Amino acid sequence: EECRPRALPFMPPGRFRSSVRQARWGVDTCPIGVADSRGYGWAISKYLAEAGCKVLVGTWPVVLGGFQKALDKGFGDDAKLTNGESMKIEQVYPLDLAFSNEQEIPPKVLQNKYYAGLSGFDIRSVAAKAHAEHGKIDFLVHSVANGPEVTKPLLQTSRQGYLAASSASAYSMISMVQEFGPYMSPGGGVISISYIAAETAIPGYGGGMSSAKAQLESDTRTLAFEAGREWGIRVNTISAGPLKSRAASAIGKGLGSEKGHIDFSIDYMKHNAPLSDMELSSDDVGAAALSLLAPQLSRAITGVTLYVDNGMHAMGLALDSEAFADSPTFKHYKDKISPKP
């Protein structure tokens, strides 16, 4: 239950919601990578819906069937907005970010059972369809990461596994901006989700995924310049702390421990982050994403990596390190728990 979104801690003021709707020509937003109600993509969608946005979603065909069934059944409290209504997803597009255009799709993919009967699930086709059916896209969200060899150390990662991680987790962002950019409103925003492994060594987060996140953050800065000059849109990324999402829960499971890599990461953050007693929620990233996307709040902010991790990125030493077990300074802070807000 800890991985599910809480009730929204605040409602954006009515005046702000109205100004977003009036200033953004209908505010269509397209989060890519939403497949359930447990991850950051869902929380971002929920905050954008709370602010009055029309939400369009792109979902990987492999999980599309299950997600569509869950949508039809309803997500209950996970979808509830502060006005008591449930978040409405206007449309779900099948989308595989491994393919920028139809020409890149190999025949064997079309023969796969998950892709049976589907067409136009490449990035270019989905961007064109979203624009044709809903007009200008104001906000674009890249909430996708996948590395087939993520449990392998970098020294054991194959070229194929490394390139697959980069393709799905980093280049897909470039391709999205390439294809959606011409259909976006000037002043609109693009965000992606990164991780601290982009800049520090995180054992257990392997398979080239740390490299892919570093690429994502570097590309964010370059895309901020190029897409800003080309279409007047802003590009930022959020370096989020560990969340027990469906995808993250699969990392390191069954490797000699009942806990997965994400469980250890969450415990580590609780023991060592500056805000030690505040459990990180997907809502924290959802609220931060809204602040980066809405031009009323961040029209001059682009090319930024925003940390939403209870301050964990700022720490150079671990308070629970055995090497400092007898340090009076460390003992002092280990006994201090930051007050809950």
C-alpha atoms as a PDB file:
ATOM      1  CA  GLU A   1       0.000   0.000   0.000  1.00  0.00           C
ATOM      2  CA  GLU A   2       2.915   2.360   0.591  1.00  0.00           C
ATOM      3  CA  CYS A   3       3.458   2.689  -3.157  1.00  0.00           C
ATOM      4  CA  ARG A   4      -0.043   3.908  -3.936  1.00  0.00           C
ATOM      5  CA  PRO A   5      -0.831   7.605  -4.300  1.00  0.00           C
ATOM      6  CA  ARG A   6      -2.189   9.316  -1.218  1.00  0.00           C
ATOM      7  CA  ALA A   7      -5.097  11.707  -1.340  1.00  0.00           C
ATOM      8  CA  LEU A   8      -3.772  14.905  -2.877  1.00  0.00           C
ATOM      9  CA  PRO A   9      -2.221  16.994  -0.088  1.00  0.00           C
ATOM     10  CA  PHE A  10      -3.462  20.228  -1.640  1.00  0.00           C
ATOM     11  CA  MET A  11      -5.744  21.440  -4.367  1.00  0.00           C
ATOM     12  CA  PRO A  12      -4.342  24.018  -6.770  1.00  0.00           C
ATOM     13  CA  PRO A  13      -6.269  27.257  -6.140  1.00  0.00           C
ATOM     14  CA  GLY A  14      -9.349  27.746  -8.304  1.00  0.00           C
ATOM     15  CA  ARG A  15      -7.876  30.905  -9.760  1.00  0.00           C
ATOM     16  CA  PHE A  16      -4.802  28.969 -10.866  1.00  0.00           C
ATOM     17  CA  ARG A  17      -6.899  26.182 -12.418  1.00  0.00           C
ATOM     18  CA  SER A  18      -8.933  28.735 -14.323  1.00  0.00           C
ATOM     19  CA  SER A  19      -5.873  30.600 -15.560  1.00  0.00           C
ATOM     20  CA  VAL A  20      -4.333  27.349 -16.818  1.00  0.00           C
ATOM     21  CA  ARG A  21      -7.463  26.491 -18.778  1.00  0.00           C
ATOM     22  CA  GLN A  22      -7.860  29.976 -20.230  1.00  0.00           C
ATOM     23  CA  ALA A  23      -4.232  30.585 -21.086  1.00  0.00           C
ATOM     24  CA  ARG A  24      -3.354  27.219 -22.577  1.00  0.00           C
ATOM     25  CA  TRP A  25      -6.002  26.817 -25.292  1.00  0.00           C
ATOM     26  CA  GLY A  26      -7.653  23.771 -23.716  1.00  0.00           C
ATOM     27  CA  VAL A  27      -4.575  22.290 -22.078  1.00  0.00           C
ATOM     28  CA  ASP A  28      -4.110  18.873 -23.643  1.00  0.00           C
ATOM     29  CA  THR A  29      -1.431  16.872 -21.902  1.00  0.00           C
ATOM     30  CA  CYS A  30       0.106  13.604 -23.037  1.00  0.00           C
ATOM     31  CA  PRO A  31       1.871  11.517 -20.360  1.00  0.00           C
ATOM     32  CA  ILE A  32       3.785   8.601 -21.907  1.00  0.00           C
ATOM     33  CA  GLY A  33       4.462   5.463 -19.882  1.00  0.00           C
ATOM     34  CA  VAL A  34       1.332   5.167 -17.726  1.00  0.00           C
ATOM     35  CA  ALA A  35       0.383   1.527 -17.150  1.00  0.00           C
ATOM     36  CA  ASP A  36      -1.113   1.429 -13.641  1.00  0.00           C
ATOM     37  CA  SER A  37      -1.925   3.669 -10.673  1.00  0.00           C
ATOM     38  CA  ARG A  38       1.295   3.014  -8.739  1.00  0.00           C
ATOM     39  CA  GLY A  39       3.939   4.978 -10.602  1.00  0.00           C
ATOM     40  CA  TYR A  40       5.024   8.538 -11.160  1.00  0.00           C
ATOM     41  CA  GLY A  41       3.262   8.746 -14.530  1.00  0.00           C
ATOM     42  CA  TRP A  42      -0.127   8.228 -12.884  1.00  0.00           C
ATOM     43  CA  ALA A  43       0.537  10.785 -10.164  1.00  0.00           C
ATOM     44  CA  ILE A  44       1.637  13.383 -12.731  1.00  0.00           C
ATOM     45  CA  SER A  45      -1.493  12.699 -14.797  1.00  0.00           C
ATOM     46  CA  LYS A  46      -3.611  13.133 -11.687  1.00  0.00           C
ATOM     47  CA  TYR A  47      -2.109  16.494 -10.797  1.00  0.00           C
ATOM     48  CA  LEU A  48      -2.522  17.731 -14.346  1.00  0.00           C
ATOM     49  CA  ALA A  49      -6.157  16.593 -14.340  1.00  0.00           C
ATOM     50  CA  GLU A  50      -6.615  18.392 -11.016  1.00  0.00           C
ATOM     51  CA  ALA A  51      -5.398  21.576 -12.694  1.00  0.00           C
ATOM     52  CA  GLY A  52      -7.977  21.235 -15.465  1.00  0.00           C
ATOM     53  CA  CYS A  53      -5.958  19.460 -18.150  1.00  0.00           C
ATOM     54  CA  LYS A  54      -7.341  16.958 -20.629  1.00  0.00           C
ATOM     55  CA  VAL A  55      -5.219  13.828 -20.210  1.00  0.00           C
ATOM     56  CA  LEU A  56      -4.145  11.619 -23.109  1.00  0.00           C
ATOM     57  CA  VAL A  57      -1.998   8.580 -22.313  1.00  0.00           C
ATOM     58  CA  GLY A  58       0.496   6.473 -24.270  1.00  0.00           C
ATOM     59  CA  THR A  59       0.889   2.894 -23.009  1.00  0.00           C
ATOM     60  CA  TRP A  60       3.232   0.070 -24.006  1.00  0.00           C
ATOM     61  CA  PRO A  61       1.228  -2.567 -25.968  1.00  0.00           C
ATOM     62  CA  VAL A  62       2.553  -5.386 -23.763  1.00  0.00           C
ATOM     63  CA  VAL A  63       0.664  -3.993 -20.752  1.00  0.00           C
ATOM     64  CA  LEU A  64      -2.094  -2.183 -22.654  1.00  0.00           C
ATOM     65  CA  GLY A  65      -4.717  -4.906 -22.236  1.00  0.00           C
ATOM     66  CA  GLY A  66      -4.346  -5.091 -18.471  1.00  0.00           C
ATOM     67  CA  PHE A  67      -4.312  -1.315 -18.113  1.00  0.00           C
ATOM     68  CA  GLN A  68      -7.431  -0.916 -20.255  1.00  0.00           C
ATOM     69  CA  LYS A  69      -9.297  -3.531 -18.215  1.00  0.00           C
ATOM     70  CA  ALA A  70      -8.300  -1.786 -14.997  1.00  0.00           C
ATOM     71  CA  LEU A  71      -9.447   1.546 -16.437  1.00  0.00           C
ATOM     72  CA  ASP A  72     -12.823   0.087 -17.391  1.00  0.00           C
ATOM     73  CA  LYS A  73     -13.197  -1.337 -13.893  1.00  0.00           C
ATOM     74  CA  GLY A  74     -12.030   1.888 -12.272  1.00  0.00           C
ATOM     75  CA  PHE A  75      -9.100   2.675 -10.004  1.00  0.00           C
ATOM     76  CA  GLY A  76     -11.219   3.756  -7.034  1.00  0.00           C
ATOM     77  CA  ASP A  77      -9.512   6.100  -4.583  1.00  0.00           C
ATOM     78  CA  ASP A  78      -6.342   6.101  -6.672  1.00  0.00           C
ATOM     79  CA  ALA A  79      -8.202   8.098  -9.334  1.00  0.00           C
ATOM     80  CA  LYS A  80     -10.163  10.380  -7.003  1.00  0.00           C
ATOM     81  CA  LEU A  81      -9.645  14.133  -7.335  1.00  0.00           C
ATOM     82  CA  THR A  82     -10.198  16.656  -4.575  1.00  0.00           C
ATOM     83  CA  ASN A  83     -13.637  17.560  -5.952  1.00  0.00           C
ATOM     84  CA  GLY A  84     -14.755  13.955  -5.416  1.00  0.00           C
ATOM     85  CA  GLU A  85     -14.779  13.072  -9.094  1.00  0.00           C
ATOM     86  CA  SER A  86     -12.523  10.475 -10.696  1.00  0.00           C
ATOM     87  CA  MET A  87      -9.739  11.468 -13.052  1.00  0.00           C
ATOM     88  CA  LYS A  88     -10.835  11.026 -16.640  1.00  0.00           C
ATOM     89  CA  ILE A  89      -8.340   9.778 -19.206  1.00  0.00           C
ATOM     90  CA  GLU A  90      -9.647  11.032 -22.528  1.00  0.00           C
ATOM     91  CA  GLN A  91      -7.792   8.519 -24.660  1.00  0.00           C
ATOM     92  CA  VAL A  92      -5.231   5.730 -24.373  1.00  0.00           C
ATOM     93  CA  TYR A  93      -2.888   5.262 -27.317  1.00  0.00           C
ATOM     94  CA  PRO A  94      -0.886   2.060 -27.787  1.00  0.00           C
ATOM     95  CA  LEU A  95       2.708   3.277 -28.014  1.00  0.00           C
ATOM     96  CA  ASP A  96       6.055   1.511 -28.192  1.00  0.00           C
ATOM     97  CA  LEU A  97       8.869   4.004 -27.649  1.00  0.00           C
ATOM     98  CA  ALA A  98      11.380   1.638 -29.237  1.00  0.00           C
ATOM     99  CA  PHE A  99      10.080   2.763 -32.634  1.00  0.00           C
ATOM    100  CA  SER A 100      10.218   6.357 -33.871  1.00  0.00           C
ATOM    101  CA  ASN A 101       8.303   5.585 -37.077  1.00  0.00           C
ATOM    102  CA  GLU A 102       6.509   2.696 -38.756  1.00  0.00           C
ATOM    103  CA  GLN A 103       9.496   1.811 -40.923  1.00  0.00           C
ATOM    104  CA  GLU A 104      11.482   0.804 -37.814  1.00  0.00           C
ATOM    105  CA  ILE A 105       8.968  -1.862 -36.706  1.00  0.00           C
ATOM    106  CA  PRO A 106      10.214  -5.367 -37.622  1.00  0.00           C
ATOM    107  CA  PRO A 107       7.724  -8.012 -38.857  1.00  0.00           C
ATOM    108  CA  LYS A 108       8.296 -10.204 -35.780  1.00  0.00           C
ATOM    109  CA  VAL A 109       6.874  -7.463 -33.541  1.00  0.00           C
ATOM    110  CA  LEU A 110       3.685  -7.281 -35.593  1.00  0.00           C
ATOM    111  CA  GLN A 111       3.330 -11.051 -35.178  1.00  0.00           C
ATOM    112  CA  ASN A 112       3.621 -10.823 -31.382  1.00  0.00           C
ATOM    113  CA  LYS A 113       0.343 -11.555 -29.574  1.00  0.00           C
ATOM    114  CA  TYR A 114       0.452  -8.267 -27.672  1.00  0.00           C
ATOM    115  CA  TYR A 115       0.581  -6.308 -30.932  1.00  0.00           C
ATOM    116  CA  ALA A 116      -2.093  -8.283 -32.748  1.00  0.00           C
ATOM    117  CA  GLY A 117      -4.574  -5.960 -34.432  1.00  0.00           C
ATOM    118  CA  LEU A 118      -2.596  -2.841 -33.503  1.00  0.00           C
ATOM    119  CA  SER A 119      -1.186  -0.290 -35.920  1.00  0.00           C
ATOM    120  CA  GLY A 120       0.276   3.194 -35.649  1.00  0.00           C
ATOM    121  CA  PHE A 121       1.939   2.517 -32.285  1.00  0.00           C
ATOM    122  CA  ASP A 122       5.219   4.222 -33.181  1.00  0.00           C
ATOM    123  CA  ILE A 123       6.029   7.688 -31.814  1.00  0.00           C
ATOM    124  CA  ARG A 124       5.460   9.596 -35.067  1.00  0.00           C
ATOM    125  CA  SER A 125       2.065   8.012 -35.685  1.00  0.00           C
ATOM    126  CA  VAL A 126       0.841   8.592 -32.139  1.00  0.00           C
ATOM    127  CA  ALA A 127       1.959  12.239 -32.181  1.00  0.00           C
ATOM    128  CA  ALA A 128       0.138  12.829 -35.472  1.00  0.00           C
ATOM    129  CA  LYS A 129      -3.032  11.084 -34.227  1.00  0.00           C
ATOM    130  CA  ALA A 130      -3.061  12.973 -30.930  1.00  0.00           C
ATOM    131  CA  HIS A 131      -2.750  16.273 -32.785  1.00  0.00           C
ATOM    132  CA  ALA A 132      -5.396  15.364 -35.380  1.00  0.00           C
ATOM    133  CA  GLU A 133      -7.881  14.238 -32.735  1.00  0.00           C
ATOM    134  CA  HIS A 134      -7.194  16.745 -29.958  1.00  0.00           C
ATOM    135  CA  GLY A 135      -5.325  19.710 -31.431  1.00  0.00           C
ATOM    136  CA  LYS A 136      -2.290  21.304 -29.854  1.00  0.00           C
ATOM    137  CA  ILE A 137      -0.453  19.443 -27.094  1.00  0.00           C
ATOM    138  CA  ASP A 138       0.568  21.722 -24.247  1.00  0.00           C
ATOM    139  CA  PHE A 139       2.382  19.362 -21.883  1.00  0.00           C
ATOM    140  CA  LEU A 140       4.354  16.212 -22.675  1.00  0.00           C
ATOM    141  CA  VAL A 141       5.515  13.738 -20.006  1.00  0.00           C
ATOM    142  CA  HIS A 142       8.155  11.037 -20.526  1.00  0.00           C
ATOM    143  CA  SER A 143       7.747   8.537 -17.679  1.00  0.00           C
ATOM    144  CA  VAL A 144       9.491   5.507 -19.146  1.00  0.00           C
ATOM    145  CA  ALA A 145      12.596   3.482 -18.311  1.00  0.00           C
ATOM    146  CA  ASN A 146      13.513  -0.043 -19.312  1.00  0.00           C
ATOM    147  CA  GLY A 147      16.747  -1.997 -19.289  1.00  0.00           C
ATOM    148  CA  PRO A 148      16.594  -5.740 -20.030  1.00  0.00           C
ATOM    149  CA  GLU A 149      19.832  -6.333 -18.103  1.00  0.00           C
ATOM    150  CA  VAL A 150      19.205  -3.936 -15.217  1.00  0.00           C
ATOM    151  CA  THR A 151      20.185  -6.562 -12.618  1.00  0.00           C
ATOM    152  CA  LYS A 152      23.645  -7.035 -14.191  1.00  0.00           C
ATOM    153  CA  PRO A 153      26.643  -4.925 -13.127  1.00  0.00           C
ATOM    154  CA  LEU A 154      27.965  -2.674 -15.878  1.00  0.00           C
ATOM    155  CA  LEU A 155      31.025  -4.934 -16.213  1.00  0.00           C
ATOM    156  CA  GLN A 156      28.710  -7.799 -17.175  1.00  0.00           C
ATOM    157  CA  THR A 157      26.340  -5.830 -19.412  1.00  0.00           C
ATOM    158  CA  SER A 158      26.282  -6.786 -23.075  1.00  0.00           C
ATOM    159  CA  ARG A 159      26.411  -4.260 -25.908  1.00  0.00           C
ATOM    160  CA  GLN A 160      22.856  -5.242 -26.860  1.00  0.00           C
ATOM    161  CA  GLY A 161      21.574  -4.771 -23.306  1.00  0.00           C
ATOM    162  CA  TYR A 162      23.345  -1.426 -22.920  1.00  0.00           C
ATOM    163  CA  LEU A 163      22.004  -0.057 -26.191  1.00  0.00           C
ATOM    164  CA  ALA A 164      18.497  -1.333 -25.410  1.00  0.00           C
ATOM    165  CA  ALA A 165      18.512   0.570 -22.112  1.00  0.00           C
ATOM    166  CA  SER A 166      19.693   3.739 -23.845  1.00  0.00           C
ATOM    167  CA  SER A 167      17.147   3.383 -26.637  1.00  0.00           C
ATOM    168  CA  ALA A 168      14.117   2.831 -24.397  1.00  0.00           C
ATOM    169  CA  SER A 169      15.097   5.154 -21.550  1.00  0.00           C
ATOM    170  CA  ALA A 170      16.956   8.037 -23.204  1.00  0.00           C
ATOM    171  CA  TYR A 171      16.690   8.202 -26.985  1.00  0.00           C
ATOM    172  CA  SER A 172      12.915   7.767 -26.709  1.00  0.00           C
ATOM    173  CA  MET A 173      12.812  11.199 -25.064  1.00  0.00           C
ATOM    174  CA  ILE A 174      14.645  12.759 -28.016  1.00  0.00           C
ATOM    175  CA  SER A 175      12.297  11.055 -30.467  1.00  0.00           C
ATOM    176  CA  MET A 176       9.243  12.217 -28.515  1.00  0.00           C
ATOM    177  CA  VAL A 177      10.362  15.835 -28.626  1.00  0.00           C
ATOM    178  CA  GLN A 178      11.203  15.503 -32.337  1.00  0.00           C
ATOM    179  CA  GLU A 179       7.741  14.198 -33.208  1.00  0.00           C
ATOM    180  CA  PHE A 180       5.512  16.008 -30.686  1.00  0.00           C
ATOM    181  CA  GLY A 181       7.396  19.319 -30.781  1.00  0.00           C
ATOM    182  CA  PRO A 182       5.770  20.628 -33.991  1.00  0.00           C
ATOM    183  CA  TYR A 183       2.337  19.961 -32.456  1.00  0.00           C
ATOM    184  CA  MET A 184       3.027  21.683 -29.130  1.00  0.00           C
ATOM    185  CA  SER A 185       1.935  25.149 -28.049  1.00  0.00           C
ATOM    186  CA  PRO A 186       4.618  27.823 -27.550  1.00  0.00           C
ATOM    187  CA  GLY A 187       5.216  28.089 -23.817  1.00  0.00           C
ATOM    188  CA  GLY A 188       4.337  24.428 -23.328  1.00  0.00           C
ATOM    189  CA  GLY A 189       6.487  22.055 -21.316  1.00  0.00           C
ATOM    190  CA  VAL A 190       8.159  18.648 -21.509  1.00  0.00           C
ATOM    191  CA  ILE A 191       9.371  16.691 -18.486  1.00  0.00           C
ATOM    192  CA  SER A 192      10.989  13.311 -17.925  1.00  0.00           C
ATOM    193  CA  ILE A 193      11.839  11.213 -14.876  1.00  0.00           C
ATOM    194  CA  SER A 194      15.504  10.647 -13.985  1.00  0.00           C
ATOM    195  CA  TYR A 195      17.342   9.131 -11.013  1.00  0.00           C
ATOM    196  CA  ILE A 196      20.426   9.956  -8.944  1.00  0.00           C
ATOM    197  CA  ALA A 197      22.293   7.075 -10.617  1.00  0.00           C
ATOM    198  CA  ALA A 198      22.804   9.518 -13.501  1.00  0.00           C
ATOM    199  CA  GLU A 199      25.555  11.211 -11.485  1.00  0.00           C
ATOM    200  CA  THR A 200      26.579   8.861  -8.668  1.00  0.00           C
ATOM    201  CA  ALA A 201      27.367   5.148  -8.517  1.00  0.00           C
ATOM    202  CA  ILE A 202      24.342   3.119  -7.349  1.00  0.00           C
ATOM    203  CA  PRO A 203      25.261  -0.580  -7.039  1.00  0.00           C
ATOM    204  CA  GLY A 204      22.374  -2.776  -8.163  1.00  0.00           C
ATOM    205  CA  TYR A 205      21.092  -0.290 -10.745  1.00  0.00           C
ATOM    206  CA  GLY A 206      22.895  -1.824 -13.685  1.00  0.00           C
ATOM    207  CA  GLY A 207      22.497  -2.942 -17.262  1.00  0.00           C
ATOM    208  CA  GLY A 208      23.440   0.489 -18.568  1.00  0.00           C
ATOM    209  CA  MET A 209      20.508   2.182 -16.838  1.00  0.00           C
ATOM    210  CA  SER A 210      22.768   4.605 -14.953  1.00  0.00           C
ATOM    211  CA  SER A 211      24.291   5.588 -18.306  1.00  0.00           C
ATOM    212  CA  ALA A 212      20.827   5.997 -19.820  1.00  0.00           C
ATOM    213  CA  LYS A 213      19.789   8.362 -17.011  1.00  0.00           C
ATOM    214  CA  ALA A 214      22.984  10.380 -17.492  1.00  0.00           C
ATOM    215  CA  GLN A 215      22.136  10.639 -21.179  1.00  0.00           C
ATOM    216  CA  LEU A 216      18.595  11.708 -20.314  1.00  0.00           C
ATOM    217  CA  GLU A 217      19.799  14.566 -18.122  1.00  0.00           C
ATOM    218  CA  SER A 218      22.397  15.713 -20.651  1.00  0.00           C
ATOM    219  CA  ASP A 219      19.842  15.537 -23.468  1.00  0.00           C
ATOM    220  CA  THR A 220      17.421  17.581 -21.348  1.00  0.00           C
ATOM    221  CA  ARG A 221      19.818  20.514 -21.402  1.00  0.00           C
ATOM    222  CA  THR A 222      20.479  20.285 -25.136  1.00  0.00           C
ATOM    223  CA  LEU A 223      16.804  19.792 -25.971  1.00  0.00           C
ATOM    224  CA  ALA A 224      15.924  22.767 -23.778  1.00  0.00           C
ATOM    225  CA  PHE A 225      18.041  24.941 -26.070  1.00  0.00           C
ATOM    226  CA  GLU A 226      17.068  23.405 -29.399  1.00  0.00           C
ATOM    227  CA  ALA A 227      13.340  22.922 -28.716  1.00  0.00           C
ATOM    228  CA  GLY A 228      13.171  26.321 -27.038  1.00  0.00           C
ATOM    229  CA  ARG A 229      14.530  28.041 -30.137  1.00  0.00           C
ATOM    230  CA  GLU A 230      12.544  25.846 -32.541  1.00  0.00           C
ATOM    231  CA  TRP A 231       9.097  25.777 -30.911  1.00  0.00           C
ATOM    232  CA  GLY A 232       9.296  27.913 -27.767  1.00  0.00           C
ATOM    233  CA  ILE A 233       8.773  24.960 -25.428  1.00  0.00           C
ATOM    234  CA  ARG A 234      10.540  24.190 -22.146  1.00  0.00           C
ATOM    235  CA  VAL A 235      12.283  20.870 -21.355  1.00  0.00           C
ATOM    236  CA  ASN A 236      13.099  19.770 -17.791  1.00  0.00           C
ATOM    237  CA  THR A 237      13.621  16.553 -15.866  1.00  0.00           C
ATOM    238  CA  ILE A 238      12.835  15.410 -12.327  1.00  0.00           C
ATOM    239  CA  SER A 239      15.400  13.287 -10.483  1.00  0.00           C
ATOM    240  CA  ALA A 240      13.019  11.324  -8.308  1.00  0.00           C
ATOM    241  CA  GLY A 241      13.779   9.329  -5.195  1.00  0.00           C
ATOM    242  CA  PRO A 242      12.968   5.607  -4.921  1.00  0.00           C
ATOM    243  CA  LEU A 243       9.312   4.590  -5.193  1.00  0.00           C
ATOM    244  CA  LYS A 244       7.990   1.043  -5.025  1.00  0.00           C
ATOM    245  CA  SER A 245       6.318   1.115  -8.412  1.00  0.00           C
ATOM    246  CA  ARG A 246       5.477  -1.965 -10.459  1.00  0.00           C
ATOM    247  CA  ALA A 247       8.570  -1.602 -12.636  1.00  0.00           C
ATOM    248  CA  ALA A 248      10.969  -0.778  -9.794  1.00  0.00           C
ATOM    249  CA  SER A 249       9.727  -3.709  -7.720  1.00  0.00           C
ATOM    250  CA  ALA A 250      11.000  -6.119 -10.356  1.00  0.00           C
ATOM    251  CA  ILE A 251      14.640  -4.998 -10.009  1.00  0.00           C
ATOM    252  CA  GLY A 252      16.733  -7.445  -8.021  1.00  0.00           C
ATOM    253  CA  LYS A 253      13.829  -9.684  -6.991  1.00  0.00           C
ATOM    254  CA  GLY A 254      14.724 -13.325  -6.438  1.00  0.00           C
ATOM    255  CA  LEU A 255      18.464 -12.728  -6.071  1.00  0.00           C
ATOM    256  CA  GLY A 256      18.858 -14.345  -2.663  1.00  0.00           C
ATOM    257  CA  SER A 257      16.735 -11.893  -0.664  1.00  0.00           C
ATOM    258  CA  GLU A 258      13.055 -11.406   0.039  1.00  0.00           C
ATOM    259  CA  LYS A 259      13.561  -7.689  -0.536  1.00  0.00           C
ATOM    260  CA  GLY A 260      14.212  -6.176  -3.938  1.00  0.00           C
ATOM    261  CA  HIS A 261      16.650  -3.409  -4.803  1.00  0.00           C
ATOM    262  CA  ILE A 262      13.916  -0.789  -4.445  1.00  0.00           C
ATOM    263  CA  ASP A 263      13.136  -1.905  -0.856  1.00  0.00           C
ATOM    264  CA  PHE A 264      16.764  -1.461   0.167  1.00  0.00           C
ATOM    265  CA  SER A 265      16.855   1.929  -1.585  1.00  0.00           C
ATOM    266  CA  ILE A 266      13.776   3.147   0.283  1.00  0.00           C
ATOM    267  CA  ASP A 267      15.218   1.984   3.618  1.00  0.00           C
ATOM    268  CA  TYR A 268      18.504   3.717   2.831  1.00  0.00           C
ATOM    269  CA  MET A 269      16.722   6.996   2.089  1.00  0.00           C
ATOM    270  CA  LYS A 270      14.713   6.794   5.314  1.00  0.00           C
ATOM    271  CA  HIS A 271      17.922   6.392   7.341  1.00  0.00           C
ATOM    272  CA  ASN A 272      20.040   8.988   5.575  1.00  0.00           C
ATOM    273  CA  ALA A 273      17.956  11.691   3.853  1.00  0.00           C
ATOM    274  CA  PRO A 274      17.723  15.188   5.379  1.00  0.00           C
ATOM    275  CA  LEU A 275      13.919  14.791   5.520  1.00  0.00           C
ATOM    276  CA  SER A 276      14.197  11.425   7.198  1.00  0.00           C
ATOM    277  CA  ASP A 277      10.688  11.054   8.581  1.00  0.00           C
ATOM    278  CA  MET A 278       8.789  12.044   5.449  1.00  0.00           C
ATOM    279  CA  GLU A 279       7.992   9.073   3.231  1.00  0.00           C
ATOM    280  CA  LEU A 280       8.383   9.945  -0.424  1.00  0.00           C
ATOM    281  CA  SER A 281       5.158   9.597  -2.387  1.00  0.00           C
ATOM    282  CA  SER A 282       4.357   9.648  -6.091  1.00  0.00           C
ATOM    283  CA  ASP A 283       2.267  12.727  -5.236  1.00  0.00           C
ATOM    284  CA  ASP A 284       5.445  14.636  -4.401  1.00  0.00           C
ATOM    285  CA  VAL A 285       6.656  14.095  -7.965  1.00  0.00           C
ATOM    286  CA  GLY A 286       3.193  14.850  -9.360  1.00  0.00           C
ATOM    287  CA  ALA A 287       3.125  18.232  -7.620  1.00  0.00           C
ATOM    288  CA  ALA A 288       6.668  19.036  -8.736  1.00  0.00           C
ATOM    289  CA  ALA A 289       5.818  18.100 -12.316  1.00  0.00           C
ATOM    290  CA  LEU A 290       2.822  20.420 -12.314  1.00  0.00           C
ATOM    291  CA  SER A 291       4.998  23.275 -11.079  1.00  0.00           C
ATOM    292  CA  LEU A 292       7.535  22.656 -13.877  1.00  0.00           C
ATOM    293  CA  LEU A 293       4.934  22.288 -16.613  1.00  0.00           C
ATOM    294  CA  ALA A 294       2.536  25.131 -15.838  1.00  0.00           C
ATOM    295  CA  PRO A 295       3.879  28.292 -17.520  1.00  0.00           C
ATOM    296  CA  GLN A 296       2.249  30.444 -14.846  1.00  0.00           C
ATOM    297  CA  LEU A 297       4.671  28.922 -12.335  1.00  0.00           C
ATOM    298  CA  SER A 298       7.794  28.255 -14.389  1.00  0.00           C
ATOM    299  CA  ARG A 299       7.736  30.074 -17.714  1.00  0.00           C
ATOM    300  CA  ALA A 300      11.444  30.992 -17.406  1.00  0.00           C
ATOM    301  CA  ILE A 301      12.622  27.576 -16.187  1.00  0.00           C
ATOM    302  CA  THR A 302      14.105  25.147 -18.720  1.00  0.00           C
ATOM    303  CA  GLY A 303      17.052  22.763 -18.922  1.00  0.00           C
ATOM    304  CA  VAL A 304      16.769  21.965 -15.205  1.00  0.00           C
ATOM    305  CA  THR A 305      17.168  18.725 -13.249  1.00  0.00           C
ATOM    306  CA  LEU A 306      14.889  19.099 -10.220  1.00  0.00           C
ATOM    307  CA  TYR A 307      15.557  16.742  -7.305  1.00  0.00           C
ATOM    308  CA  VAL A 308      12.475  15.343  -5.568  1.00  0.00           C
ATOM    309  CA  ASP A 309      14.073  12.889  -3.161  1.00  0.00           C
ATOM    310  CA  ASN A 310      13.790  14.270   0.387  1.00  0.00           C
ATOM    311  CA  GLY A 311      17.217  15.836  -0.122  1.00  0.00           C
ATOM    312  CA  MET A 312      19.041  12.533  -0.572  1.00  0.00           C
ATOM    313  CA  HIS A 313      21.050  13.893  -3.520  1.00  0.00           C
ATOM    314  CA  ALA A 314      22.772  16.401  -1.218  1.00  0.00           C
ATOM    315  CA  MET A 315      24.301  13.777   1.066  1.00  0.00           C
ATOM    316  CA  GLY A 316      27.959  12.788   0.705  1.00  0.00           C
ATOM    317  CA  LEU A 317      28.119  10.340   3.622  1.00  0.00           C
ATOM    318  CA  ALA A 318      25.647   7.798   4.975  1.00  0.00           C
ATOM    319  CA  LEU A 319      24.577   8.313   8.580  1.00  0.00           C
ATOM    320  CA  ASP A 320      24.113   4.570   9.052  1.00  0.00           C
ATOM    321  CA  SER A 321      27.627   3.724   7.836  1.00  0.00           C
ATOM    322  CA  GLU A 322      29.404   1.260  10.124  1.00  0.00           C
ATOM    323  CA  ALA A 323      32.648   3.157   9.532  1.00  0.00           C
ATOM    324  CA  PHE A 324      31.188   6.121  11.459  1.00  0.00           C
ATOM    325  CA  ALA A 325      29.383   4.073  14.095  1.00  0.00           C
ATOM    326  CA  ASP A 326      31.444   5.593  16.956  1.00  0.00           C
ATOM    327  CA  SER A 327      31.411   9.167  15.619  1.00  0.00           C
ATOM    328  CA  PRO A 328      29.751  11.523  18.163  1.00  0.00           C
ATOM    329  CA  THR A 329      28.559  13.770  15.337  1.00  0.00           C
ATOM    330  CA  PHE A 330      26.939  10.897  13.468  1.00  0.00           C
ATOM    331  CA  LYS A 331      25.396   9.520  16.658  1.00  0.00           C
ATOM    332  CA  HIS A 332      23.804  12.927  17.293  1.00  0.00           C
ATOM    333  CA  TYR A 333      22.118  13.073  13.906  1.00  0.00           C
ATOM    334  CA  LYS A 334      21.143   9.398  13.866  1.00  0.00           C
ATOM    335  CA  ASP A 335      19.033  10.056  16.957  1.00  0.00           C
ATOM    336  CA  LYS A 336      17.449  13.143  15.402  1.00  0.00           C
ATOM    337  CA  ILE A 337      14.354  12.568  13.304  1.00  0.00           C
ATOM    338  CA  SER A 338      13.127  15.463  11.213  1.00  0.00           C
ATOM    339  CA  PRO A 339       9.653  16.614  12.350  1.00  0.00           C
ATOM    340  CA  LYS A 340       6.732  15.773  10.110  1.00  0.00           C
ATOM    341  CA  PRO A 341       5.280  18.795   8.268  1.00  0.00           C
END
